C-alpha atoms as a PDB file:
ATOM      1  CA  MET A   1      45.276  20.417-254.661  1.00  0.00           C
ATOM      2  CA  ALA A   2      45.188  23.355-257.060  1.00  0.00           C
ATOM      3  CA  LYS A   3      45.584  26.806-255.541  1.00  0.00           C
ATOM      4  CA  ALA A   4      42.171  28.021-256.735  1.00  0.00           C
ATOM      5  CA  GLU A   5      40.477  24.965-255.214  1.00  0.00           C
ATOM      6  CA  ARG A   6      42.391  25.352-251.963  1.00  0.00           C
ATOM      7  CA  ASP A   7      41.550  29.061-251.786  1.00  0.00           C
ATOM      8  CA  PHE A   8      37.859  28.233-252.350  1.00  0.00           C
ATOM      9  CA  ILE A   9      37.885  25.622-249.574  1.00  0.00           C
ATOM     10  CA  VAL A  10      39.671  27.949-247.146  1.00  0.00           C
ATOM     11  CA  GLU A  11      37.149  30.709-247.921  1.00  0.00           C
ATOM     12  CA  LYS A  12      34.241  28.323-247.260  1.00  0.00           C
ATOM     13  CA  VAL A  13      35.846  27.069-244.029  1.00  0.00           C
ATOM     14  CA  LYS A  14      36.048  30.684-242.868  1.00  0.00           C
ATOM     15  CA  GLU A  15      32.372  31.135-243.768  1.00  0.00           C
ATOM     16  CA  VAL A  16      31.504  28.066-241.696  1.00  0.00           C
ATOM     17  CA  LEU A  17      33.404  29.523-238.736  1.00  0.00           C
ATOM     18  CA  ALA A  18      31.650  32.879-239.057  1.00  0.00           C
ATOM     19  CA  ALA A  19      28.169  31.357-239.322  1.00  0.00           C
ATOM     20  CA  PRO A  20      26.011  31.868-236.225  1.00  0.00           C
ATOM     21  CA  SER A  21      24.354  28.526-236.991  1.00  0.00           C
ATOM     22  CA  CYS A  22      27.641  26.604-236.734  1.00  0.00           C
ATOM     23  CA  CYS A  23      27.845  24.147-233.822  1.00  0.00           C
ATOM     24  CA  ALA A  24      30.829  24.008-231.482  1.00  0.00           C
ATOM     25  CA  GLU A  25      32.160  20.710-232.867  1.00  0.00           C
ATOM     26  CA  LEU A  26      32.182  22.003-236.424  1.00  0.00           C
ATOM     27  CA  LYS A  27      33.812  25.271-235.332  1.00  0.00           C
ATOM     28  CA  GLU A  28      36.572  23.241-233.696  1.00  0.00           C
ATOM     29  CA  ALA A  29      37.093  21.123-236.824  1.00  0.00           C
ATOM     30  CA  ALA A  30      37.171  24.245-239.009  1.00  0.00           C
ATOM     31  CA  ARG A  31      39.665  26.014-236.715  1.00  0.00           C
ATOM     32  CA  ASN A  32      41.849  22.909-236.584  1.00  0.00           C
ATOM     33  CA  TYR A  33      41.871  22.721-240.375  1.00  0.00           C
ATOM     34  CA  LEU A  34      42.871  26.364-240.756  1.00  0.00           C
ATOM     35  CA  ASP A  35      45.556  25.964-238.086  1.00  0.00           C
ATOM     36  CA  ALA A  36      46.912  22.889-239.892  1.00  0.00           C
ATOM     37  CA  LEU A  37      47.275  24.538-243.306  1.00  0.00           C
ATOM     38  CA  ASP A  38      50.790  24.126-244.716  1.00  0.00           C
ATOM     39  CA  THR A  39      51.767  21.645-241.997  1.00  0.00           C
ATOM     40  CA  ASP A  40      52.086  17.872-241.916  1.00  0.00           C
ATOM     41  CA  ARG A  41      48.713  17.827-240.095  1.00  0.00           C
ATOM     42  CA  GLU A  42      46.749  19.381-242.981  1.00  0.00           C
ATOM     43  CA  LYS A  43      45.550  16.107-244.557  1.00  0.00           C
ATOM     44  CA  GLU A  44      44.455  14.656-241.212  1.00  0.00           C
ATOM     45  CA  ALA A  45      42.668  17.883-240.287  1.00  0.00           C
ATOM     46  CA  GLY A  46      40.965  17.872-243.688  1.00  0.00           C
ATOM     47  CA  LYS A  47      39.678  14.331-243.128  1.00  0.00           C
ATOM     48  CA  PHE A  48      38.367  15.308-239.698  1.00  0.00           C
ATOM     49  CA  LEU A  49      36.659  18.382-241.161  1.00  0.00           C
ATOM     50  CA  VAL A  50      34.964  16.289-243.858  1.00  0.00           C
ATOM     51  CA  ALA A  51      33.761  13.783-241.258  1.00  0.00           C
ATOM     52  CA  GLU A  52      32.318  16.565-239.097  1.00  0.00           C
ATOM     53  CA  LEU A  53      30.653  18.226-242.081  1.00  0.00           C
ATOM     54  CA  GLU A  54      29.102  14.924-243.146  1.00  0.00           C
ATOM     55  CA  GLU A  55      27.631  14.636-239.668  1.00  0.00           C
ATOM     56  CA  ASP A  56      26.470  18.250-239.327  1.00  0.00           C
ATOM     57  CA  VAL A  57      25.254  19.432-242.740  1.00  0.00           C
ATOM     58  CA  GLN A  58      21.523  18.793-242.637  1.00  0.00           C
ATOM     59  CA  ASP A  59      19.352  17.677-245.522  1.00  0.00           C
ATOM     60  CA  ILE A  60      16.414  19.871-246.504  1.00  0.00           C
ATOM     61  CA  ASP A  61      13.792  17.351-245.354  1.00  0.00           C
ATOM     62  CA  SER A  62      15.274  17.275-241.854  1.00  0.00           C
ATOM     63  CA  VAL A  63      15.246  21.045-241.466  1.00  0.00           C
ATOM     64  CA  LEU A  64      11.759  21.289-242.964  1.00  0.00           C
ATOM     65  CA  GLY A  65      10.603  18.748-240.403  1.00  0.00           C
ATOM     66  CA  PHE A  66      12.294  20.639-237.582  1.00  0.00           C
ATOM     67  CA  PHE A  67      10.841  24.022-238.555  1.00  0.00           C
ATOM     68  CA  SER A  68       7.391  22.421-238.754  1.00  0.00           C
ATOM     69  CA  SER A  69       7.673  20.687-235.382  1.00  0.00           C
ATOM     70  CA  ASP A  70       6.823  21.685-231.836  1.00  0.00           C
ATOM     71  CA  ALA A  71      10.563  21.712-231.118  1.00  0.00           C
ATOM     72  CA  GLY A  72      11.163  24.149-233.975  1.00  0.00           C
ATOM     73  CA  ARG A  73       8.328  26.400-232.844  1.00  0.00           C
ATOM     74  CA  GLY A  74       9.688  26.259-229.298  1.00  0.00           C
ATOM     75  CA  TYR A  75      13.185  27.187-230.462  1.00  0.00           C
ATOM     76  CA  PHE A  76      12.334  29.906-232.988  1.00  0.00           C
ATOM     77  CA  GLY A  77       8.830  30.945-231.943  1.00  0.00           C
ATOM     78  CA  ALA A  78       5.747  30.054-233.976  1.00  0.00           C
ATOM     79  CA  GLU A  79       5.981  32.922-236.471  1.00  0.00           C
ATOM     80  CA  LYS A  80       9.704  32.547-237.259  1.00  0.00           C
ATOM     81  CA  ALA A  81       9.432  28.754-237.457  1.00  0.00           C
ATOM     82  CA  ALA A  82       6.571  29.099-239.954  1.00  0.00           C
ATOM     83  CA  GLU A  83       8.647  31.542-242.033  1.00  0.00           C
ATOM     84  CA  MET A  84      11.602  29.166-241.975  1.00  0.00           C
ATOM     85  CA  ALA A  85       9.386  26.209-242.926  1.00  0.00           C
ATOM     86  CA  GLU A  86       8.067  28.159-245.918  1.00  0.00           C
ATOM     87  CA  LEU A  87      11.606  29.038-246.951  1.00  0.00           C
ATOM     88  CA  ALA A  88      12.632  25.387-246.620  1.00  0.00           C
ATOM     89  CA  LYS A  89       9.697  24.378-248.839  1.00  0.00           C
ATOM     90  CA  LYS A  90      10.794  26.939-251.424  1.00  0.00           C
ATOM     91  CA  VAL A  91      14.414  25.759-251.325  1.00  0.00           C
ATOM     92  CA  LYS A  92      13.260  22.159-251.745  1.00  0.00           C
ATOM     93  CA  ALA A  93      10.906  23.069-254.618  1.00  0.00           C
ATOM     94  CA  GLU A  94      13.839  24.763-256.351  1.00  0.00           C
ATOM     95  CA  GLY A  95      15.892  21.574-256.068  1.00  0.00           C
ATOM     96  CA  GLY A  96      17.814  22.356-252.898  1.00  0.00           C
ATOM     97  CA  LYS A  97      19.015  19.266-251.086  1.00  0.00           C
ATOM     98  CA  THR A  98      20.530  20.726-247.924  1.00  0.00           C
ATOM     99  CA  CYS A  99      19.773  23.236-245.218  1.00  0.00           C
ATOM    100  CA  PHE A 100      20.088  26.830-246.337  1.00  0.00           C
ATOM    101  CA  CYS A 101      21.661  28.255-243.176  1.00  0.00           C
ATOM    102  CA  PRO A 102      25.114  29.817-243.654  1.00  0.00           C
ATOM    103  CA  ALA A 103      26.957  26.952-241.947  1.00  0.00           C
ATOM    104  CA  CYS A 104      25.253  24.221-243.977  1.00  0.00           C
ATOM    105  CA  ALA A 105      25.494  26.162-247.252  1.00  0.00           C
ATOM    106  CA  ALA A 106      29.241  26.716-246.871  1.00  0.00           C
ATOM    107  CA  GLY A 107      29.679  23.218-245.471  1.00  0.00           C
ATOM    108  CA  GLN A 108      27.978  21.639-248.473  1.00  0.00           C
ATOM    109  CA  ALA A 109      30.218  23.656-250.798  1.00  0.00           C
ATOM    110  CA  ILE A 110      33.220  22.114-248.993  1.00  0.00           C
ATOM    111  CA  LEU A 111      31.705  18.627-249.173  1.00  0.00           C
ATOM    112  CA  ASP A 112      31.220  19.092-252.915  1.00  0.00           C
ATOM    113  CA  LYS A 113      35.023  19.287-253.115  1.00  0.00           C
ATOM    114  CA  LYS A 114      35.843  16.816-250.355  1.00  0.00           C
ATOM    115  CA  GLU A 115      38.080  14.668-252.565  1.00  0.00           C
ATOM    116  CA  ALA A 116      40.619  17.489-252.416  1.00  0.00           C
ATOM    117  CA  LEU A 117      40.691  17.195-248.626  1.00  0.00           C
ATOM    118  CA  LEU A 118      40.927  13.407-248.390  1.00  0.00           C
END
């Protein structure tokens, strides 16, 4: 993979790791990928990272549904959930396809270049 593309992916993996919205499984996959850079495990770790991202990056309709649900209100509180639902509606209206949280945003950027990792 080209250096610029690799640097971009590494930067986004670090963003995923730093995101408070990142789940434990994705953090592990991201750490494993960074630890495997420049080793014979890099390709395998990249495949695992892609698989985890494909499982964890949420589509905009799913997050909109969650923010609008009793579960979302219970998790965030009614006011914050309503704010997040409105933001999700705006993102969707502007053509957004995935969740806008930091983990999903960086994760989708990686998935957009997943061929480089496979």
